[in-house]
């Protein structure tokens, strides 16, 4: 029975059948399936497969969106239960669209994919000033800070935000990732970001890679100390 539910969760998330995913999640809870089992054995693997298919060119943005929304419905149900069990998150990700920019579709898709991959995501919203980012870092102590820009005119805010982090003495405390339709790797490098991703699937993989490198470096430095 539980195997049937987990297989169903995987398959229905993959095709973006939100109502069925929610139904199966409730069924799983009713028969005593642990929330983290559903998350790590079915939902996350399904979203990872969605990302892999997107990168191969088998899936496109609409398929990613419906799969992400299907997963988000299950997460709404599971999130409070996961918090109760003390399930470990991969890391904390503070996300925002920069000041002057109100676009959030791409940012929201990245948020869903990150949550699906086990990150705790805090979304500050759109039109977010450097001051609000600084306050968010101090409050939530994230591992990674993400800045999104859709307009070429708002891309300079990446640099303004990073300068604000440096001025506040917080730049070395966080990994900075940037993205958005007009953004390139070259631009990310020029403004001093740690990472860039062209799409949501890549953003998740890059975030995990950057976090693993950061934690390994911390472990080494602690060992030396």
N, C-alpha and C. Protein backbone atom coordinates (compact mmCIF):
# COMPACT_ATOMS: atom_id res chain seq x y z
N UNK A 1 0.84 -1.22 0.00
CA UNK A 1 0.00 0.00 0.00
C UNK A 1 0.87 1.26 0.00
N UNK A 2 1.84 1.28 0.93
CA UNK A 2 2.68 2.49 1.00
C UNK A 2 3.53 2.66 -0.26
N UNK A 3 3.99 1.52 -0.82
CA UNK A 3 4.77 1.58 -2.05
C UNK A 3 3.94 2.14 -3.20
N UNK A 4 2.66 1.75 -3.22
CA UNK A 4 1.72 2.23 -4.24
C UNK A 4 1.55 3.75 -4.11
N UNK A 5 1.45 4.24 -2.88
CA UNK A 5 1.28 5.67 -2.66
C UNK A 5 2.53 6.44 -3.08
N UNK A 6 3.69 5.93 -2.71
CA UNK A 6 4.95 6.61 -3.07
C UNK A 6 5.14 6.64 -4.59
N UNK A 7 4.84 5.53 -5.26
CA UNK A 7 4.95 5.49 -6.72
C UNK A 7 3.97 6.47 -7.35
N UNK A 8 2.75 6.52 -6.80
CA UNK A 8 1.74 7.45 -7.30
C UNK A 8 2.17 8.90 -7.13
N UNK A 9 2.73 9.21 -5.95
CA UNK A 9 3.21 10.58 -5.70
C UNK A 9 4.28 10.98 -6.71
N UNK A 10 5.18 10.04 -6.97
CA UNK A 10 6.26 10.32 -7.94
C UNK A 10 5.67 10.57 -9.33
N UNK A 11 4.84 9.64 -9.78
CA UNK A 11 4.30 9.72 -11.14
C UNK A 11 3.40 10.94 -11.34
N UNK A 12 2.56 11.23 -10.35
CA UNK A 12 1.60 12.34 -10.51
C UNK A 12 2.28 13.71 -10.36
N UNK A 13 3.34 13.77 -9.54
CA UNK A 13 4.11 15.01 -9.46
C UNK A 13 4.80 15.27 -10.79
N UNK A 14 5.34 14.22 -11.37
CA UNK A 14 6.06 14.32 -12.64
C UNK A 14 5.18 14.93 -13.73
N UNK A 15 3.90 14.56 -13.75
CA UNK A 15 3.00 15.08 -14.80
C UNK A 15 2.21 16.30 -14.33
N UNK A 16 2.45 16.72 -13.08
CA UNK A 16 1.81 17.95 -12.60
C UNK A 16 0.34 17.82 -12.25
N UNK A 17 -0.07 16.64 -11.80
CA UNK A 17 -1.47 16.42 -11.41
C UNK A 17 -1.65 16.82 -9.95
N UNK A 18 -1.81 18.12 -9.72
CA UNK A 18 -1.90 18.67 -8.36
C UNK A 18 -2.95 18.05 -7.48
N UNK A 19 -4.22 17.95 -7.94
CA UNK A 19 -5.27 17.36 -7.09
C UNK A 19 -4.95 15.93 -6.66
N UNK A 20 -4.40 15.14 -7.58
CA UNK A 20 -4.08 13.74 -7.26
C UNK A 20 -2.90 13.67 -6.28
N UNK A 21 -1.92 14.56 -6.46
CA UNK A 21 -0.77 14.60 -5.53
C UNK A 21 -1.25 14.91 -4.12
N UNK A 22 -2.16 15.87 -4.01
CA UNK A 22 -2.71 16.24 -2.70
C UNK A 22 -3.49 15.07 -2.09
N UNK A 23 -4.28 14.41 -2.92
CA UNK A 23 -5.07 13.26 -2.48
C UNK A 23 -4.17 12.13 -1.97
N UNK A 24 -3.11 11.85 -2.72
CA UNK A 24 -2.18 10.79 -2.33
C UNK A 24 -1.40 11.16 -1.06
N UNK A 25 -1.07 12.44 -0.93
CA UNK A 25 -0.38 12.90 0.28
C UNK A 25 -1.25 12.66 1.51
N UNK A 26 -2.54 12.99 1.38
CA UNK A 26 -3.48 12.76 2.49
C UNK A 26 -3.62 11.27 2.77
N UNK A 27 -3.70 10.46 1.70
CA UNK A 27 -3.78 9.01 1.87
C UNK A 27 -2.56 8.48 2.62
N UNK A 28 -1.40 8.99 2.24
CA UNK A 28 -0.16 8.58 2.88
C UNK A 28 -0.17 8.88 4.37
N UNK A 29 -0.63 10.07 4.71
CA UNK A 29 -0.69 10.45 6.13
C UNK A 29 -1.70 9.57 6.87
N UNK A 30 -2.82 9.24 6.21
CA UNK A 30 -3.85 8.42 6.83
C UNK A 30 -3.36 7.01 7.17
N UNK A 31 -2.47 6.47 6.32
CA UNK A 31 -1.97 5.10 6.57
C UNK A 31 -0.66 5.10 7.35
N UNK A 32 -0.27 6.31 7.83
CA UNK A 32 0.90 6.38 8.71
C UNK A 32 2.23 6.56 8.02
N UNK A 33 2.22 6.95 6.74
CA UNK A 33 3.49 7.22 6.05
C UNK A 33 4.12 8.48 6.63
N UNK A 34 5.39 8.43 6.95
CA UNK A 34 6.07 9.59 7.53
C UNK A 34 6.18 10.70 6.49
N UNK A 35 5.96 11.96 6.89
CA UNK A 35 6.06 13.08 5.95
C UNK A 35 7.40 13.11 5.23
N UNK A 36 8.50 12.83 5.99
CA UNK A 36 9.82 12.89 5.35
C UNK A 36 10.02 11.76 4.34
N UNK A 37 9.33 10.62 4.55
CA UNK A 37 9.39 9.52 3.59
C UNK A 37 8.76 9.94 2.27
N UNK A 38 7.60 10.58 2.36
CA UNK A 38 6.93 11.05 1.13
C UNK A 38 7.77 12.11 0.43
N UNK A 39 8.40 12.97 1.23
CA UNK A 39 9.20 14.05 0.66
C UNK A 39 10.46 13.51 -0.02
N UNK A 40 11.23 12.69 0.71
CA UNK A 40 12.54 12.28 0.21
C UNK A 40 12.51 11.05 -0.70
N UNK A 41 11.44 10.23 -0.60
CA UNK A 41 11.37 9.02 -1.43
C UNK A 41 10.50 9.19 -2.67
N UNK A 42 9.71 10.26 -2.73
CA UNK A 42 8.81 10.41 -3.88
C UNK A 42 8.81 11.82 -4.46
N UNK A 43 8.52 12.81 -3.64
CA UNK A 43 8.34 14.17 -4.15
C UNK A 43 9.64 14.79 -4.67
N UNK A 44 10.70 14.72 -3.86
CA UNK A 44 11.97 15.29 -4.29
C UNK A 44 12.54 14.55 -5.51
N UNK A 45 12.55 13.20 -5.50
CA UNK A 45 13.02 12.50 -6.70
C UNK A 45 12.23 12.87 -7.97
N UNK A 46 10.91 13.09 -7.82
CA UNK A 46 10.09 13.47 -8.97
C UNK A 46 10.53 14.84 -9.51
N UNK A 47 10.75 15.78 -8.61
CA UNK A 47 11.15 17.12 -9.06
C UNK A 47 12.57 17.11 -9.62
N UNK A 48 13.42 16.24 -9.09
CA UNK A 48 14.77 16.09 -9.65
C UNK A 48 14.69 15.55 -11.08
N UNK A 49 13.77 14.63 -11.31
CA UNK A 49 13.57 14.08 -12.66
C UNK A 49 13.01 15.16 -13.59
N UNK A 50 12.12 16.00 -13.08
CA UNK A 50 11.60 17.12 -13.87
C UNK A 50 12.76 18.02 -14.31
N UNK A 51 13.65 18.33 -13.35
CA UNK A 51 14.80 19.16 -13.66
C UNK A 51 15.71 18.51 -14.69
N UNK A 52 15.92 17.21 -14.55
CA UNK A 52 16.78 16.47 -15.50
C UNK A 52 16.17 16.48 -16.89
N UNK A 53 14.86 16.30 -16.97
CA UNK A 53 14.18 16.31 -18.28
C UNK A 53 14.22 17.69 -18.91
N UNK A 54 14.12 18.73 -18.06
CA UNK A 54 14.22 20.10 -18.57
C UNK A 54 15.60 20.34 -19.18
N UNK A 55 16.63 19.90 -18.48
CA UNK A 55 18.00 20.11 -18.96
C UNK A 55 18.27 19.33 -20.25
N UNK A 56 17.59 18.18 -20.42
CA UNK A 56 17.76 17.39 -21.65
C UNK A 56 16.93 17.95 -22.80
N UNK A 57 16.02 18.86 -22.48
CA UNK A 57 15.16 19.41 -23.52
C UNK A 57 13.88 18.61 -23.73
N UNK A 58 13.61 17.65 -22.81
CA UNK A 58 12.38 16.86 -22.90
C UNK A 58 11.20 17.58 -22.25
N UNK A 59 11.48 18.42 -21.27
CA UNK A 59 10.47 19.23 -20.60
C UNK A 59 10.79 20.70 -20.85
N UNK A 60 9.75 21.54 -20.77
CA UNK A 60 9.93 22.98 -20.93
C UNK A 60 9.34 23.70 -19.72
N UNK A 61 9.37 25.01 -19.71
CA UNK A 61 8.93 25.78 -18.54
C UNK A 61 7.50 25.43 -18.11
N UNK A 62 6.52 25.28 -19.03
CA UNK A 62 5.16 24.93 -18.57
C UNK A 62 5.11 23.63 -17.78
N UNK A 63 5.86 22.61 -18.24
CA UNK A 63 5.89 21.33 -17.52
C UNK A 63 6.53 21.49 -16.14
N UNK A 64 7.58 22.31 -16.08
CA UNK A 64 8.21 22.58 -14.78
C UNK A 64 7.25 23.29 -13.84
N UNK A 65 6.52 24.24 -14.38
CA UNK A 65 5.58 25.01 -13.55
C UNK A 65 4.49 24.12 -12.96
N UNK A 66 3.88 23.27 -13.80
CA UNK A 66 2.78 22.45 -13.28
C UNK A 66 3.29 21.41 -12.29
N UNK A 67 4.48 20.85 -12.55
CA UNK A 67 5.05 19.89 -11.60
C UNK A 67 5.38 20.59 -10.29
N UNK A 68 5.96 21.80 -10.39
CA UNK A 68 6.30 22.57 -9.20
C UNK A 68 5.08 22.93 -8.38
N UNK A 69 3.99 23.30 -9.07
CA UNK A 69 2.76 23.65 -8.36
C UNK A 69 2.15 22.42 -7.69
N UNK A 70 2.24 21.28 -8.37
CA UNK A 70 1.72 20.03 -7.78
C UNK A 70 2.47 19.71 -6.50
N UNK A 71 3.78 19.87 -6.55
CA UNK A 71 4.60 19.60 -5.38
C UNK A 71 4.33 20.62 -4.27
N UNK A 72 4.13 21.88 -4.66
CA UNK A 72 3.88 22.94 -3.68
C UNK A 72 2.63 22.64 -2.86
N UNK A 73 1.61 22.08 -3.50
CA UNK A 73 0.38 21.72 -2.79
C UNK A 73 0.65 20.68 -1.71
N UNK A 74 1.47 19.68 -2.06
CA UNK A 74 1.82 18.64 -1.07
C UNK A 74 2.66 19.24 0.05
N UNK A 75 3.57 20.15 -0.31
CA UNK A 75 4.44 20.77 0.70
C UNK A 75 3.65 21.60 1.70
N UNK A 76 2.59 22.26 1.23
CA UNK A 76 1.75 23.05 2.14
C UNK A 76 1.18 22.15 3.24
N UNK A 77 0.86 20.92 2.86
CA UNK A 77 0.30 19.96 3.80
C UNK A 77 1.39 19.38 4.71
N UNK A 78 2.55 19.12 4.13
CA UNK A 78 3.63 18.43 4.86
C UNK A 78 4.52 19.35 5.69
N UNK A 79 4.62 20.61 5.27
CA UNK A 79 5.60 21.52 5.91
C UNK A 79 5.44 21.59 7.43
N UNK A 80 4.22 21.84 7.95
CA UNK A 80 4.09 21.90 9.42
C UNK A 80 4.43 20.58 10.10
N UNK A 81 4.12 19.47 9.44
CA UNK A 81 4.43 18.15 10.01
C UNK A 81 5.92 17.88 10.00
N UNK A 82 6.59 18.33 8.94
CA UNK A 82 8.04 18.16 8.86
C UNK A 82 8.73 18.98 9.94
N UNK A 83 8.18 20.17 10.20
CA UNK A 83 8.75 21.04 11.25
C UNK A 83 8.63 20.35 12.61
N UNK A 84 7.50 19.67 12.84
CA UNK A 84 7.29 18.96 14.11
C UNK A 84 8.29 17.82 14.29
N UNK A 85 8.61 17.12 13.20
CA UNK A 85 9.52 15.98 13.31
C UNK A 85 10.98 16.42 13.34
N UNK A 86 11.20 17.72 13.10
CA UNK A 86 12.58 18.23 13.11
C UNK A 86 13.39 17.78 11.92
N UNK A 87 12.71 17.52 10.79
CA UNK A 87 13.41 17.07 9.58
C UNK A 87 14.42 18.12 9.15
N UNK A 88 15.62 17.66 8.85
CA UNK A 88 16.70 18.57 8.49
C UNK A 88 16.50 19.14 7.08
N UNK A 89 16.76 20.43 6.93
CA UNK A 89 16.71 21.03 5.60
C UNK A 89 18.13 21.05 5.04
N UNK A 90 18.22 21.16 3.72
CA UNK A 90 19.52 21.22 3.06
C UNK A 90 20.25 22.50 3.48
N UNK A 91 19.50 23.58 3.55
CA UNK A 91 20.06 24.88 3.92
C UNK A 91 18.97 25.93 3.81
N UNK A 92 19.28 27.15 4.20
CA UNK A 92 18.30 28.24 4.14
C UNK A 92 18.66 29.18 3.00
N UNK A 93 17.65 29.51 2.19
CA UNK A 93 17.84 30.33 0.99
C UNK A 93 16.94 31.57 1.11
N UNK A 94 17.55 32.74 1.11
CA UNK A 94 16.81 34.01 1.17
C UNK A 94 16.68 34.56 -0.24
N UNK A 95 15.48 34.70 -0.74
CA UNK A 95 15.25 35.06 -2.13
C UNK A 95 14.54 36.41 -2.27
N UNK A 96 14.86 37.14 -3.34
CA UNK A 96 14.14 38.39 -3.60
C UNK A 96 14.33 38.82 -5.05
N UNK A 97 13.37 39.61 -5.54
CA UNK A 97 13.53 40.33 -6.80
C UNK A 97 14.01 41.73 -6.42
N UNK A 98 15.00 42.22 -7.15
CA UNK A 98 15.68 43.46 -6.75
C UNK A 98 14.76 44.69 -6.82
N UNK A 99 15.19 45.73 -6.16
CA UNK A 99 14.46 47.00 -6.13
C UNK A 99 14.27 47.52 -7.56
N UNK A 100 13.05 47.96 -7.85
CA UNK A 100 12.75 48.49 -9.18
C UNK A 100 12.15 47.45 -10.12
N UNK A 101 12.11 46.20 -9.67
CA UNK A 101 11.64 45.11 -10.53
C UNK A 101 10.50 44.37 -9.84
N UNK A 102 9.40 44.16 -10.57
CA UNK A 102 8.23 43.50 -9.96
C UNK A 102 7.98 42.10 -10.53
N UNK A 103 8.89 41.59 -11.34
CA UNK A 103 8.69 40.28 -11.96
C UNK A 103 9.01 39.16 -10.97
N UNK A 104 8.12 38.18 -10.91
CA UNK A 104 8.35 37.13 -9.92
C UNK A 104 8.07 35.71 -10.39
N UNK A 105 7.67 35.52 -11.65
CA UNK A 105 7.34 34.16 -12.10
C UNK A 105 8.56 33.25 -12.02
N UNK A 106 9.69 33.73 -12.57
CA UNK A 106 10.92 32.94 -12.52
C UNK A 106 11.37 32.68 -11.11
N UNK A 107 11.33 33.73 -10.29
CA UNK A 107 11.74 33.61 -8.88
C UNK A 107 10.87 32.58 -8.16
N UNK A 108 9.58 32.63 -8.39
CA UNK A 108 8.66 31.72 -7.71
C UNK A 108 8.90 30.27 -8.13
N UNK A 109 9.23 30.06 -9.40
CA UNK A 109 9.52 28.71 -9.87
C UNK A 109 10.80 28.18 -9.21
N UNK A 110 11.81 29.04 -9.12
CA UNK A 110 13.05 28.65 -8.44
C UNK A 110 12.76 28.31 -6.98
N UNK A 111 11.91 29.12 -6.34
CA UNK A 111 11.55 28.86 -4.94
C UNK A 111 10.96 27.47 -4.76
N UNK A 112 10.02 27.13 -5.66
CA UNK A 112 9.35 25.82 -5.57
C UNK A 112 10.36 24.70 -5.76
N UNK A 113 11.24 24.87 -6.76
CA UNK A 113 12.24 23.83 -7.03
C UNK A 113 13.21 23.69 -5.85
N UNK A 114 13.59 24.82 -5.24
CA UNK A 114 14.48 24.78 -4.09
C UNK A 114 13.82 24.08 -2.90
N UNK A 115 12.55 24.43 -2.66
CA UNK A 115 11.82 23.78 -1.57
C UNK A 115 11.71 22.29 -1.83
N UNK A 116 11.44 21.96 -3.11
CA UNK A 116 11.33 20.56 -3.49
C UNK A 116 12.63 19.80 -3.26
N UNK A 117 13.75 20.51 -3.34
CA UNK A 117 15.06 19.89 -3.14
C UNK A 117 15.47 19.86 -1.67
N UNK A 118 14.61 20.37 -0.80
CA UNK A 118 14.88 20.30 0.64
C UNK A 118 15.40 21.57 1.28
N UNK A 119 15.43 22.67 0.53
CA UNK A 119 15.86 23.95 1.10
C UNK A 119 14.71 24.60 1.87
N UNK A 120 15.05 25.35 2.90
CA UNK A 120 14.09 26.23 3.57
C UNK A 120 14.19 27.57 2.87
N UNK A 121 13.12 27.97 2.18
CA UNK A 121 13.16 29.19 1.36
C UNK A 121 12.38 30.31 2.05
N UNK A 122 13.03 31.46 2.16
CA UNK A 122 12.36 32.67 2.67
C UNK A 122 12.34 33.65 1.51
N UNK A 123 11.14 34.02 1.07
CA UNK A 123 10.98 34.91 -0.07
C UNK A 123 10.60 36.31 0.43
N UNK A 124 11.48 37.27 0.18
CA UNK A 124 11.21 38.65 0.62
C UNK A 124 10.30 39.39 -0.36
N UNK A 125 10.02 38.76 -1.53
CA UNK A 125 9.11 39.38 -2.48
C UNK A 125 9.80 40.15 -3.60
N UNK A 126 9.10 41.13 -4.14
CA UNK A 126 9.62 41.93 -5.25
C UNK A 126 9.93 43.35 -4.76
N UNK A 127 10.64 44.10 -5.61
CA UNK A 127 11.00 45.49 -5.27
C UNK A 127 11.72 45.55 -3.92
N UNK A 128 12.65 44.64 -3.70
CA UNK A 128 13.30 44.54 -2.39
C UNK A 128 14.57 45.39 -2.36
N UNK A 129 14.63 46.30 -1.42
CA UNK A 129 15.77 47.22 -1.30
C UNK A 129 16.95 46.52 -0.63
N UNK A 130 18.17 47.05 -0.83
CA UNK A 130 19.33 46.48 -0.13
C UNK A 130 19.15 46.46 1.38
N UNK A 131 18.49 47.50 1.91
CA UNK A 131 18.28 47.58 3.36
C UNK A 131 17.42 46.41 3.86
N UNK A 132 16.40 46.07 3.05
CA UNK A 132 15.52 44.97 3.45
C UNK A 132 16.27 43.63 3.36
N UNK A 133 17.16 43.51 2.38
CA UNK A 133 17.98 42.29 2.26
C UNK A 133 18.87 42.14 3.50
N UNK A 134 19.51 43.23 3.89
CA UNK A 134 20.39 43.21 5.08
C UNK A 134 19.60 42.78 6.32
N UNK A 135 18.41 43.37 6.47
CA UNK A 135 17.56 43.02 7.62
C UNK A 135 17.18 41.55 7.57
N UNK A 136 16.89 41.03 6.37
CA UNK A 136 16.52 39.63 6.21
C UNK A 136 17.66 38.70 6.57
N UNK A 137 18.88 39.07 6.18
CA UNK A 137 20.05 38.24 6.51
C UNK A 137 20.26 38.19 8.02
N UNK A 138 20.13 39.35 8.66
CA UNK A 138 20.32 39.41 10.11
C UNK A 138 19.26 38.60 10.85
N UNK A 139 18.03 38.61 10.30
CA UNK A 139 16.94 37.90 10.97
C UNK A 139 16.98 36.39 10.74
N UNK A 140 17.24 35.98 9.49
CA UNK A 140 17.10 34.57 9.14
C UNK A 140 18.41 33.78 9.04
N UNK A 141 19.54 34.48 9.02
CA UNK A 141 20.86 33.84 8.91
C UNK A 141 20.91 32.80 7.79
N UNK A 142 20.60 33.20 6.55
CA UNK A 142 20.58 32.22 5.46
C UNK A 142 21.97 31.75 5.05
N UNK A 143 22.00 30.60 4.40
CA UNK A 143 23.25 30.12 3.81
C UNK A 143 23.50 30.79 2.47
N UNK A 144 22.40 30.98 1.73
CA UNK A 144 22.48 31.54 0.38
C UNK A 144 21.49 32.69 0.24
N UNK A 145 21.91 33.75 -0.46
CA UNK A 145 21.03 34.87 -0.78
C UNK A 145 20.89 34.93 -2.30
N UNK A 146 19.64 34.94 -2.78
CA UNK A 146 19.40 34.97 -4.22
C UNK A 146 18.77 36.27 -4.65
N UNK A 147 19.29 36.86 -5.73
CA UNK A 147 18.74 38.08 -6.30
C UNK A 147 18.27 37.81 -7.72
N UNK A 148 17.03 38.19 -8.02
CA UNK A 148 16.47 38.00 -9.35
C UNK A 148 16.19 39.35 -10.00
N UNK A 149 16.49 39.45 -11.31
CA UNK A 149 16.17 40.66 -12.07
C UNK A 149 15.70 40.24 -13.46
N UNK A 150 14.59 40.82 -13.89
CA UNK A 150 14.05 40.50 -15.21
C UNK A 150 14.36 41.61 -16.21
N UNK A 151 14.54 42.83 -15.70
CA UNK A 151 14.79 43.98 -16.56
C UNK A 151 16.28 44.32 -16.60
N UNK A 152 16.78 44.66 -17.77
CA UNK A 152 18.20 45.06 -17.87
C UNK A 152 18.46 46.31 -17.03
N UNK A 153 17.43 47.16 -16.88
CA UNK A 153 17.60 48.41 -16.12
C UNK A 153 17.75 48.17 -14.63
N UNK A 154 17.31 46.99 -14.15
CA UNK A 154 17.42 46.73 -12.70
C UNK A 154 18.62 45.84 -12.36
N UNK A 155 19.30 45.31 -13.37
CA UNK A 155 20.46 44.44 -13.11
C UNK A 155 21.56 45.11 -12.27
N UNK A 156 21.79 46.44 -12.42
CA UNK A 156 22.81 47.08 -11.57
C UNK A 156 22.53 46.96 -10.07
N UNK A 157 21.27 46.61 -9.71
CA UNK A 157 20.95 46.44 -8.29
C UNK A 157 21.68 45.24 -7.69
N UNK A 158 22.10 44.29 -8.52
CA UNK A 158 22.92 43.18 -8.00
C UNK A 158 24.15 43.74 -7.30
N UNK A 159 24.83 44.63 -8.02
CA UNK A 159 26.06 45.21 -7.48
C UNK A 159 25.76 46.08 -6.26
N UNK A 160 24.66 46.82 -6.32
CA UNK A 160 24.28 47.66 -5.18
C UNK A 160 24.01 46.79 -3.94
N UNK A 161 23.35 45.65 -4.15
CA UNK A 161 23.07 44.75 -3.03
C UNK A 161 24.35 44.15 -2.46
N UNK A 162 25.24 43.71 -3.35
CA UNK A 162 26.50 43.11 -2.89
C UNK A 162 27.36 44.15 -2.17
N UNK A 163 27.36 45.38 -2.68
CA UNK A 163 28.09 46.46 -1.99
C UNK A 163 27.52 46.70 -0.60
N UNK A 164 26.18 46.62 -0.50
CA UNK A 164 25.53 46.82 0.80
C UNK A 164 25.91 45.71 1.78
N UNK A 165 26.02 44.47 1.26
CA UNK A 165 26.44 43.35 2.10
C UNK A 165 27.86 43.57 2.62
N UNK A 166 28.72 44.04 1.73
CA UNK A 166 30.11 44.30 2.13
C UNK A 166 30.18 45.39 3.19
N UNK A 167 29.43 46.44 2.97
CA UNK A 167 29.42 47.58 3.91
C UNK A 167 28.91 47.15 5.29
N UNK A 168 27.94 46.21 5.29
CA UNK A 168 27.37 45.73 6.55
C UNK A 168 28.22 44.63 7.19
N UNK A 169 29.30 44.23 6.49
CA UNK A 169 30.17 43.18 7.03
C UNK A 169 29.57 41.80 6.94
N UNK A 170 28.63 41.61 5.99
CA UNK A 170 27.93 40.33 5.89
C UNK A 170 28.30 39.53 4.65
N UNK A 171 29.12 40.12 3.77
CA UNK A 171 29.37 39.46 2.47
C UNK A 171 29.99 38.07 2.62
N UNK A 172 30.89 37.92 3.57
CA UNK A 172 31.56 36.63 3.74
C UNK A 172 30.70 35.58 4.44
N UNK A 173 29.55 36.04 4.98
CA UNK A 173 28.68 35.12 5.73
C UNK A 173 27.72 34.35 4.83
N UNK A 174 27.54 34.82 3.59
CA UNK A 174 26.53 34.20 2.72
C UNK A 174 27.07 33.94 1.32
N UNK A 175 26.48 32.97 0.66
CA UNK A 175 26.72 32.73 -0.76
C UNK A 175 25.72 33.59 -1.52
N UNK A 176 26.17 34.29 -2.54
CA UNK A 176 25.27 35.15 -3.33
C UNK A 176 25.06 34.53 -4.71
N UNK A 177 23.78 34.29 -5.05
CA UNK A 177 23.42 33.80 -6.38
C UNK A 177 22.54 34.81 -7.09
N UNK A 178 22.72 34.94 -8.40
CA UNK A 178 21.91 35.87 -9.18
C UNK A 178 21.32 35.15 -10.40
N UNK A 179 20.21 35.70 -10.90
CA UNK A 179 19.59 35.10 -12.08
C UNK A 179 18.49 35.99 -12.62
N UNK A 180 17.94 35.58 -13.75
CA UNK A 180 16.91 36.36 -14.42
C UNK A 180 17.16 36.34 -15.92
N UNK A 181 16.12 36.64 -16.69
CA UNK A 181 16.19 36.52 -18.14
C UNK A 181 17.40 37.19 -18.81
N UNK A 182 17.74 38.44 -18.44
CA UNK A 182 18.85 39.09 -19.16
C UNK A 182 20.24 38.81 -18.56
N UNK A 183 20.29 38.06 -17.47
CA UNK A 183 21.54 37.88 -16.74
C UNK A 183 22.39 36.79 -17.41
N UNK A 184 23.70 36.99 -17.39
CA UNK A 184 24.64 36.01 -17.95
C UNK A 184 25.69 35.66 -16.89
N UNK A 185 26.44 34.60 -17.16
CA UNK A 185 27.53 34.23 -16.27
C UNK A 185 28.56 35.35 -16.18
N UNK A 186 28.81 35.98 -17.32
CA UNK A 186 29.80 37.08 -17.36
C UNK A 186 29.37 38.23 -16.46
N UNK A 187 28.07 38.54 -16.52
CA UNK A 187 27.56 39.64 -15.69
C UNK A 187 27.64 39.28 -14.21
N UNK A 188 27.29 38.02 -13.91
CA UNK A 188 27.36 37.56 -12.51
C UNK A 188 28.78 37.67 -11.99
N UNK A 189 29.74 37.28 -12.82
CA UNK A 189 31.15 37.38 -12.42
C UNK A 189 31.56 38.84 -12.21
N UNK A 190 31.07 39.70 -13.10
CA UNK A 190 31.45 41.13 -13.06
C UNK A 190 30.96 41.81 -11.78
N UNK A 191 29.78 41.42 -11.29
CA UNK A 191 29.25 42.07 -10.09
C UNK A 191 29.74 41.40 -8.80
N UNK A 192 30.43 40.27 -8.94
CA UNK A 192 30.99 39.63 -7.76
C UNK A 192 30.09 38.61 -7.10
N UNK A 193 29.14 38.05 -7.87
CA UNK A 193 28.27 36.99 -7.32
C UNK A 193 29.05 35.68 -7.26
N UNK A 194 28.62 34.79 -6.38
CA UNK A 194 29.27 33.48 -6.25
C UNK A 194 28.72 32.48 -7.26
N UNK A 195 27.46 32.69 -7.67
CA UNK A 195 26.84 31.73 -8.57
C UNK A 195 25.79 32.36 -9.45
N UNK A 196 25.56 31.71 -10.60
CA UNK A 196 24.54 32.15 -11.55
C UNK A 196 23.88 30.91 -12.13
N UNK A 197 22.59 31.01 -12.41
CA UNK A 197 21.89 29.91 -13.06
C UNK A 197 20.91 30.48 -14.07
N UNK A 198 20.83 29.82 -15.23
CA UNK A 198 19.96 30.29 -16.31
C UNK A 198 18.53 29.80 -16.15
N UNK A 199 18.31 28.78 -15.31
CA UNK A 199 16.97 28.24 -15.13
C UNK A 199 16.85 27.63 -13.73
N UNK A 200 15.62 27.26 -13.39
CA UNK A 200 15.34 26.78 -12.02
C UNK A 200 16.07 25.48 -11.69
N UNK A 201 16.11 24.57 -12.65
CA UNK A 201 16.77 23.29 -12.39
C UNK A 201 18.26 23.47 -12.11
N UNK A 202 18.89 24.33 -12.92
CA UNK A 202 20.31 24.61 -12.73
C UNK A 202 20.54 25.34 -11.41
N UNK A 203 19.60 26.22 -11.05
CA UNK A 203 19.73 26.98 -9.80
C UNK A 203 19.81 26.05 -8.60
N UNK A 204 18.99 25.01 -8.60
CA UNK A 204 18.99 24.05 -7.49
C UNK A 204 20.33 23.32 -7.42
N UNK A 205 20.78 22.83 -8.56
CA UNK A 205 22.04 22.08 -8.59
C UNK A 205 23.21 22.97 -8.17
N UNK A 206 23.21 24.21 -8.69
CA UNK A 206 24.29 25.15 -8.36
C UNK A 206 24.28 25.49 -6.88
N UNK A 207 23.09 25.71 -6.33
CA UNK A 207 22.96 26.04 -4.91
C UNK A 207 23.54 24.93 -4.04
N UNK A 208 23.22 23.67 -4.40
CA UNK A 208 23.74 22.53 -3.63
C UNK A 208 25.26 22.45 -3.75
N UNK A 209 25.77 22.68 -4.96
CA UNK A 209 27.22 22.62 -5.18
C UNK A 209 27.95 23.69 -4.36
N UNK A 210 27.45 24.92 -4.44
CA UNK A 210 28.09 26.03 -3.72
C UNK A 210 28.06 25.81 -2.21
N UNK A 211 26.93 25.27 -1.73
CA UNK A 211 26.79 25.03 -0.29
C UNK A 211 27.74 23.91 0.16
N UNK A 212 27.89 22.88 -0.66
CA UNK A 212 28.79 21.78 -0.33
C UNK A 212 30.24 22.26 -0.26
N UNK A 213 30.62 23.11 -1.22
CA UNK A 213 31.98 23.67 -1.23
C UNK A 213 32.21 24.54 0.00
N UNK A 214 31.22 25.37 0.33
CA UNK A 214 31.33 26.27 1.50
C UNK A 214 31.48 25.45 2.79
N UNK A 215 30.66 24.42 2.93
CA UNK A 215 30.69 23.62 4.16
C UNK A 215 31.97 22.81 4.27
N UNK A 216 32.47 22.33 3.13
CA UNK A 216 33.73 21.60 3.13
C UNK A 216 34.87 22.51 3.56
N UNK A 217 34.85 23.74 3.08
CA UNK A 217 35.89 24.71 3.42
C UNK A 217 35.86 25.04 4.92
N UNK A 218 34.65 25.17 5.46
CA UNK A 218 34.48 25.46 6.89
C UNK A 218 35.02 24.29 7.71
N UNK A 219 34.70 23.07 7.28
CA UNK A 219 35.15 21.86 8.00
C UNK A 219 36.67 21.78 8.02
N UNK A 220 37.27 22.08 6.86
CA UNK A 220 38.74 22.05 6.76
C UNK A 220 39.36 23.10 7.67
N UNK A 221 38.79 24.31 7.64
CA UNK A 221 39.35 25.40 8.47
C UNK A 221 39.20 25.10 9.95
N UNK A 222 38.09 24.45 10.31
CA UNK A 222 37.89 24.08 11.73
C UNK A 222 38.88 22.99 12.13
N UNK A 223 39.16 22.08 11.18
CA UNK A 223 40.12 21.02 11.47
C UNK A 223 41.51 21.56 11.66
N UNK A 224 41.85 22.58 10.86
CA UNK A 224 43.17 23.22 10.98
C UNK A 224 43.28 23.96 12.30
N UNK A 225 42.16 24.63 12.66
CA UNK A 225 42.15 25.38 13.91
C UNK A 225 42.24 24.43 15.10
